[in-house]
Amino acid sequence: MQMLIAILVLLFECPYCCLMVTFVQKVSQFADNRTYWQKALMYTISAIVPICLCAGISTITGNLCIFVAGVFYGLMALGKKADRDSMIMTAAQQDLEMNTNQ
């Protein structure tokens, strides 16, 4: 299971390592069309399943790397944090709306 997930991640992230295999271009195209949150979901779930099946130290260590990659994709899906001035303006507008509703 862990080897299968590793091959899948290899095909998704660096397809140039397997250029001689005929279906790699299709897999690469499929991976490039996925959004960040879809990749995050796929990587985190595929990292958790083997740990649930066999909670050995090697399984945890190997899948922790894939899980962290999924977390990074999740953070990229959230986007950048706004700058300080726009956050202050948004907070002031929300405060104004709350005061007018009372």
N, C-alpha and C. Protein backbone atom coordinates (compact mmCIF):
# COMPACT_ATOMS: atom_id res chain seq x y z
N MET A 1 0.83 -1.19 0.00
CA MET A 1 0.00 0.00 0.00
C MET A 1 0.88 1.25 0.00
N GLN A 2 1.87 1.25 0.84
CA GLN A 2 2.75 2.41 0.95
C GLN A 2 3.55 2.62 -0.33
N MET A 3 3.98 1.54 -0.96
CA MET A 3 4.72 1.66 -2.21
C MET A 3 3.82 2.18 -3.34
N LEU A 4 2.58 1.75 -3.35
CA LEU A 4 1.64 2.22 -4.35
C LEU A 4 1.39 3.72 -4.21
N ILE A 5 1.24 4.18 -2.99
CA ILE A 5 1.04 5.60 -2.75
C ILE A 5 2.29 6.39 -3.14
N ALA A 6 3.46 5.84 -2.86
CA ALA A 6 4.71 6.51 -3.23
C ALA A 6 4.83 6.65 -4.74
N ILE A 7 4.46 5.61 -5.48
CA ILE A 7 4.51 5.68 -6.94
C ILE A 7 3.51 6.70 -7.46
N LEU A 8 2.33 6.75 -6.86
CA LEU A 8 1.32 7.72 -7.26
C LEU A 8 1.80 9.15 -7.02
N VAL A 9 2.40 9.39 -5.87
CA VAL A 9 2.93 10.72 -5.58
C VAL A 9 4.05 11.07 -6.54
N LEU A 10 4.90 10.11 -6.86
CA LEU A 10 5.98 10.33 -7.81
C LEU A 10 5.42 10.70 -9.19
N LEU A 11 4.38 10.01 -9.62
CA LEU A 11 3.77 10.33 -10.90
C LEU A 11 3.08 11.69 -10.89
N PHE A 12 2.49 12.06 -9.77
CA PHE A 12 1.80 13.35 -9.67
C PHE A 12 2.78 14.51 -9.60
N GLU A 13 3.81 14.37 -8.81
CA GLU A 13 4.69 15.50 -8.52
C GLU A 13 5.85 15.65 -9.49
N CYS A 14 6.43 14.56 -9.95
CA CYS A 14 7.57 14.67 -10.88
C CYS A 14 7.47 13.60 -11.97
N PRO A 15 6.59 13.84 -12.92
CA PRO A 15 6.39 12.84 -13.98
C PRO A 15 7.60 12.68 -14.90
N TYR A 16 8.51 13.62 -14.88
CA TYR A 16 9.69 13.50 -15.73
C TYR A 16 10.60 12.35 -15.30
N CYS A 17 10.40 11.82 -14.12
CA CYS A 17 11.18 10.66 -13.67
C CYS A 17 10.75 9.38 -14.39
N CYS A 18 9.56 9.37 -14.94
CA CYS A 18 9.02 8.16 -15.59
C CYS A 18 8.59 8.44 -17.02
N LEU A 19 9.36 9.20 -17.76
CA LEU A 19 8.95 9.58 -19.10
C LEU A 19 8.82 8.41 -20.07
N MET A 20 9.51 7.31 -19.81
CA MET A 20 9.47 6.17 -20.73
C MET A 20 8.17 5.36 -20.61
N VAL A 21 7.42 5.57 -19.55
CA VAL A 21 6.15 4.86 -19.37
C VAL A 21 5.08 5.61 -20.15
N THR A 22 4.27 4.89 -20.87
CA THR A 22 3.35 5.51 -21.83
C THR A 22 2.21 6.31 -21.18
N PHE A 23 1.69 5.87 -20.06
CA PHE A 23 0.52 6.53 -19.48
C PHE A 23 0.87 7.68 -18.54
N VAL A 24 2.14 8.00 -18.38
CA VAL A 24 2.55 9.04 -17.43
C VAL A 24 2.02 10.40 -17.85
N GLN A 25 1.98 10.68 -19.13
CA GLN A 25 1.50 11.98 -19.60
C GLN A 25 0.04 12.20 -19.21
N LYS A 26 -0.78 11.14 -19.30
CA LYS A 26 -2.19 11.26 -18.91
C LYS A 26 -2.34 11.50 -17.41
N VAL A 27 -1.54 10.79 -16.62
CA VAL A 27 -1.58 10.96 -15.16
C VAL A 27 -1.10 12.35 -14.79
N SER A 28 -0.07 12.83 -15.45
CA SER A 28 0.45 14.17 -15.18
C SER A 28 -0.58 15.24 -15.54
N GLN A 29 -1.25 15.06 -16.65
CA GLN A 29 -2.29 16.01 -17.06
C GLN A 29 -3.43 16.01 -16.05
N PHE A 30 -3.82 14.83 -15.58
CA PHE A 30 -4.87 14.72 -14.57
C PHE A 30 -4.47 15.44 -13.28
N ALA A 31 -3.21 15.26 -12.87
CA ALA A 31 -2.73 15.88 -11.64
C ALA A 31 -2.63 17.39 -11.77
N ASP A 32 -2.24 17.87 -12.93
CA ASP A 32 -2.13 19.31 -13.12
C ASP A 32 -3.49 20.00 -13.13
N ASN A 33 -4.54 19.28 -13.48
CA ASN A 33 -5.88 19.85 -13.51
C ASN A 33 -6.55 19.87 -12.14
N ARG A 34 -5.96 19.25 -11.14
CA ARG A 34 -6.54 19.23 -9.80
C ARG A 34 -6.23 20.55 -9.08
N THR A 35 -7.18 20.99 -8.26
CA THR A 35 -6.94 22.18 -7.44
C THR A 35 -6.15 21.80 -6.19
N TYR A 36 -5.68 22.82 -5.48
CA TYR A 36 -4.86 22.56 -4.30
C TYR A 36 -5.63 21.79 -3.23
N TRP A 37 -6.89 22.15 -3.02
CA TRP A 37 -7.63 21.47 -1.95
C TRP A 37 -7.89 20.01 -2.31
N GLN A 38 -8.05 19.70 -3.60
CA GLN A 38 -8.24 18.31 -4.00
C GLN A 38 -6.97 17.49 -3.78
N LYS A 39 -5.83 18.09 -4.09
CA LYS A 39 -4.56 17.40 -3.83
C LYS A 39 -4.34 17.23 -2.33
N ALA A 40 -4.69 18.25 -1.56
CA ALA A 40 -4.54 18.17 -0.11
C ALA A 40 -5.38 17.04 0.45
N LEU A 41 -6.61 16.94 0.01
CA LEU A 41 -7.50 15.89 0.49
C LEU A 41 -6.99 14.51 0.10
N MET A 42 -6.54 14.38 -1.15
CA MET A 42 -6.04 13.09 -1.62
C MET A 42 -4.79 12.67 -0.85
N TYR A 43 -3.86 13.60 -0.64
CA TYR A 43 -2.61 13.25 0.03
C TYR A 43 -2.83 12.92 1.51
N THR A 44 -3.65 13.70 2.19
CA THR A 44 -3.86 13.43 3.61
C THR A 44 -4.60 12.12 3.84
N ILE A 45 -5.62 11.86 3.04
CA ILE A 45 -6.36 10.59 3.20
C ILE A 45 -5.49 9.40 2.84
N SER A 46 -4.72 9.53 1.75
CA SER A 46 -3.87 8.41 1.36
C SER A 46 -2.73 8.20 2.34
N ALA A 47 -2.40 9.17 3.14
CA ALA A 47 -1.37 8.99 4.17
C ALA A 47 -1.95 8.40 5.45
N ILE A 48 -3.20 8.67 5.74
CA ILE A 48 -3.81 8.20 6.98
C ILE A 48 -4.21 6.72 6.89
N VAL A 49 -4.68 6.29 5.72
CA VAL A 49 -5.17 4.91 5.57
C VAL A 49 -4.11 3.86 5.93
N PRO A 50 -2.87 3.93 5.41
CA PRO A 50 -1.89 2.90 5.79
C PRO A 50 -1.52 2.93 7.27
N ILE A 51 -1.55 4.11 7.86
CA ILE A 51 -1.24 4.21 9.29
C ILE A 51 -2.32 3.50 10.10
N CYS A 52 -3.57 3.62 9.67
CA CYS A 52 -4.66 2.93 10.37
C CYS A 52 -4.56 1.41 10.21
N LEU A 53 -4.07 0.97 9.07
CA LEU A 53 -3.96 -0.47 8.83
C LEU A 53 -2.78 -1.10 9.58
N CYS A 54 -1.66 -0.41 9.64
CA CYS A 54 -0.47 -0.95 10.28
C CYS A 54 0.32 0.20 10.88
N ALA A 55 0.23 0.37 12.17
CA ALA A 55 0.82 1.53 12.83
C ALA A 55 2.25 1.26 13.28
N GLY A 56 3.10 0.87 12.37
CA GLY A 56 4.51 0.67 12.68
C GLY A 56 5.29 1.96 12.50
N ILE A 57 6.49 2.00 13.01
CA ILE A 57 7.30 3.22 12.93
C ILE A 57 7.68 3.54 11.49
N SER A 58 7.96 2.53 10.67
CA SER A 58 8.31 2.80 9.28
C SER A 58 7.11 3.30 8.49
N THR A 59 5.94 2.79 8.79
CA THR A 59 4.73 3.24 8.12
C THR A 59 4.42 4.69 8.49
N ILE A 60 4.56 5.00 9.76
CA ILE A 60 4.30 6.36 10.21
C ILE A 60 5.31 7.32 9.61
N THR A 61 6.57 6.95 9.60
CA THR A 61 7.61 7.83 9.06
C THR A 61 7.40 8.07 7.57
N GLY A 62 7.14 7.01 6.82
CA GLY A 62 6.95 7.17 5.38
C GLY A 62 5.73 7.97 5.01
N ASN A 63 4.65 7.75 5.71
CA ASN A 63 3.41 8.45 5.38
C ASN A 63 3.32 9.84 5.99
N LEU A 64 4.17 10.11 6.95
CA LEU A 64 4.20 11.46 7.53
C LEU A 64 4.64 12.47 6.47
N CYS A 65 5.57 12.09 5.62
CA CYS A 65 6.03 12.99 4.55
C CYS A 65 4.89 13.30 3.59
N ILE A 66 4.11 12.31 3.23
CA ILE A 66 2.97 12.53 2.32
C ILE A 66 1.90 13.36 3.02
N PHE A 67 1.69 13.11 4.30
CA PHE A 67 0.71 13.88 5.06
C PHE A 67 1.11 15.35 5.13
N VAL A 68 2.38 15.61 5.36
CA VAL A 68 2.88 17.00 5.42
C VAL A 68 2.71 17.68 4.06
N ALA A 69 2.95 16.95 2.98
CA ALA A 69 2.71 17.51 1.64
C ALA A 69 1.24 17.87 1.47
N GLY A 70 0.34 17.04 1.98
CA GLY A 70 -1.08 17.34 1.93
C GLY A 70 -1.43 18.57 2.75
N VAL A 71 -0.79 18.71 3.90
CA VAL A 71 -1.03 19.90 4.73
C VAL A 71 -0.55 21.15 4.00
N PHE A 72 0.60 21.07 3.34
CA PHE A 72 1.09 22.22 2.58
C PHE A 72 0.15 22.59 1.44
N TYR A 73 -0.37 21.59 0.75
CA TYR A 73 -1.35 21.88 -0.29
C TYR A 73 -2.61 22.50 0.31
N GLY A 74 -3.01 22.08 1.48
CA GLY A 74 -4.15 22.69 2.15
C GLY A 74 -3.91 24.14 2.50
N LEU A 75 -2.70 24.43 2.97
CA LEU A 75 -2.36 25.82 3.28
C LEU A 75 -2.31 26.67 2.01
N MET A 76 -1.83 26.09 0.92
CA MET A 76 -1.81 26.82 -0.34
C MET A 76 -3.23 27.06 -0.84
N ALA A 77 -4.15 26.15 -0.55
CA ALA A 77 -5.54 26.33 -0.95
C ALA A 77 -6.20 27.46 -0.18
N LEU A 78 -5.77 27.67 1.07
CA LEU A 78 -6.32 28.76 1.86
C LEU A 78 -5.89 30.12 1.33
N GLY A 79 -4.71 30.19 0.77
CA GLY A 79 -4.23 31.44 0.18
C GLY A 79 -3.44 32.27 1.17
N LYS A 80 -3.02 33.42 0.68
CA LYS A 80 -2.22 34.31 1.50
C LYS A 80 -3.08 35.03 2.53
N LYS A 81 -2.45 35.37 3.61
CA LYS A 81 -3.09 36.16 4.64
C LYS A 81 -3.13 37.60 4.16
N ALA A 82 -4.19 38.30 4.47
CA ALA A 82 -4.31 39.70 4.05
C ALA A 82 -3.31 40.56 4.80
N ASP A 83 -3.01 41.73 4.24
CA ASP A 83 -2.10 42.63 4.95
C ASP A 83 -2.81 43.28 6.13
N ARG A 84 -2.06 43.92 6.98
CA ARG A 84 -2.58 44.44 8.25
C ARG A 84 -3.67 45.48 8.03
N ASP A 85 -3.48 46.37 7.09
CA ASP A 85 -4.46 47.44 6.87
C ASP A 85 -5.81 46.91 6.42
N SER A 86 -5.82 45.94 5.51
CA SER A 86 -7.10 45.40 5.05
C SER A 86 -7.79 44.60 6.15
N MET A 87 -7.03 43.93 7.01
CA MET A 87 -7.65 43.22 8.13
C MET A 87 -8.27 44.19 9.12
N ILE A 88 -7.61 45.33 9.36
CA ILE A 88 -8.16 46.34 10.27
C ILE A 88 -9.44 46.92 9.68
N MET A 89 -9.45 47.19 8.37
CA MET A 89 -10.65 47.74 7.73
C MET A 89 -11.81 46.73 7.78
N THR A 90 -11.52 45.46 7.55
CA THR A 90 -12.56 44.44 7.60
C THR A 90 -13.11 44.32 9.02
N ALA A 91 -12.24 44.34 10.01
CA ALA A 91 -12.69 44.25 11.40
C ALA A 91 -13.52 45.47 11.77
N ALA A 92 -13.14 46.64 11.30
CA ALA A 92 -13.90 47.86 11.60
C ALA A 92 -15.28 47.81 10.95
N GLN A 93 -15.37 47.29 9.73
CA GLN A 93 -16.66 47.17 9.07
C GLN A 93 -17.57 46.18 9.79
N GLN A 94 -17.00 45.06 10.23
CA GLN A 94 -17.80 44.08 10.96
C GLN A 94 -18.26 44.64 12.29
N ASP A 95 -17.40 45.43 12.95
CA ASP A 95 -17.76 46.05 14.22
C ASP A 95 -18.88 47.05 14.01
N LEU A 96 -18.81 47.81 12.93
CA LEU A 96 -19.85 48.78 12.61
C LEU A 96 -21.17 48.09 12.33
N GLU A 97 -21.13 46.97 11.60
CA GLU A 97 -22.35 46.22 11.30
C GLU A 97 -22.96 45.65 12.58
N MET A 98 -22.12 45.20 13.50
CA MET A 98 -22.64 44.64 14.75
C MET A 98 -23.28 45.72 15.61
N ASN A 99 -22.72 46.92 15.61
CA ASN A 99 -23.26 48.01 16.41
C ASN A 99 -24.56 48.53 15.82
N THR A 100 -24.73 48.51 14.52
CA THR A 100 -25.97 49.00 13.91
C THR A 100 -27.10 47.99 14.08
N ASN A 101 -26.78 46.71 14.22
CA ASN A 101 -27.82 45.69 14.40
C ASN A 101 -28.37 45.65 15.81
N GLN A 102 -27.74 46.29 16.75
CA GLN A 102 -28.21 46.22 18.15
C GLN A 102 -29.22 47.25 18.43
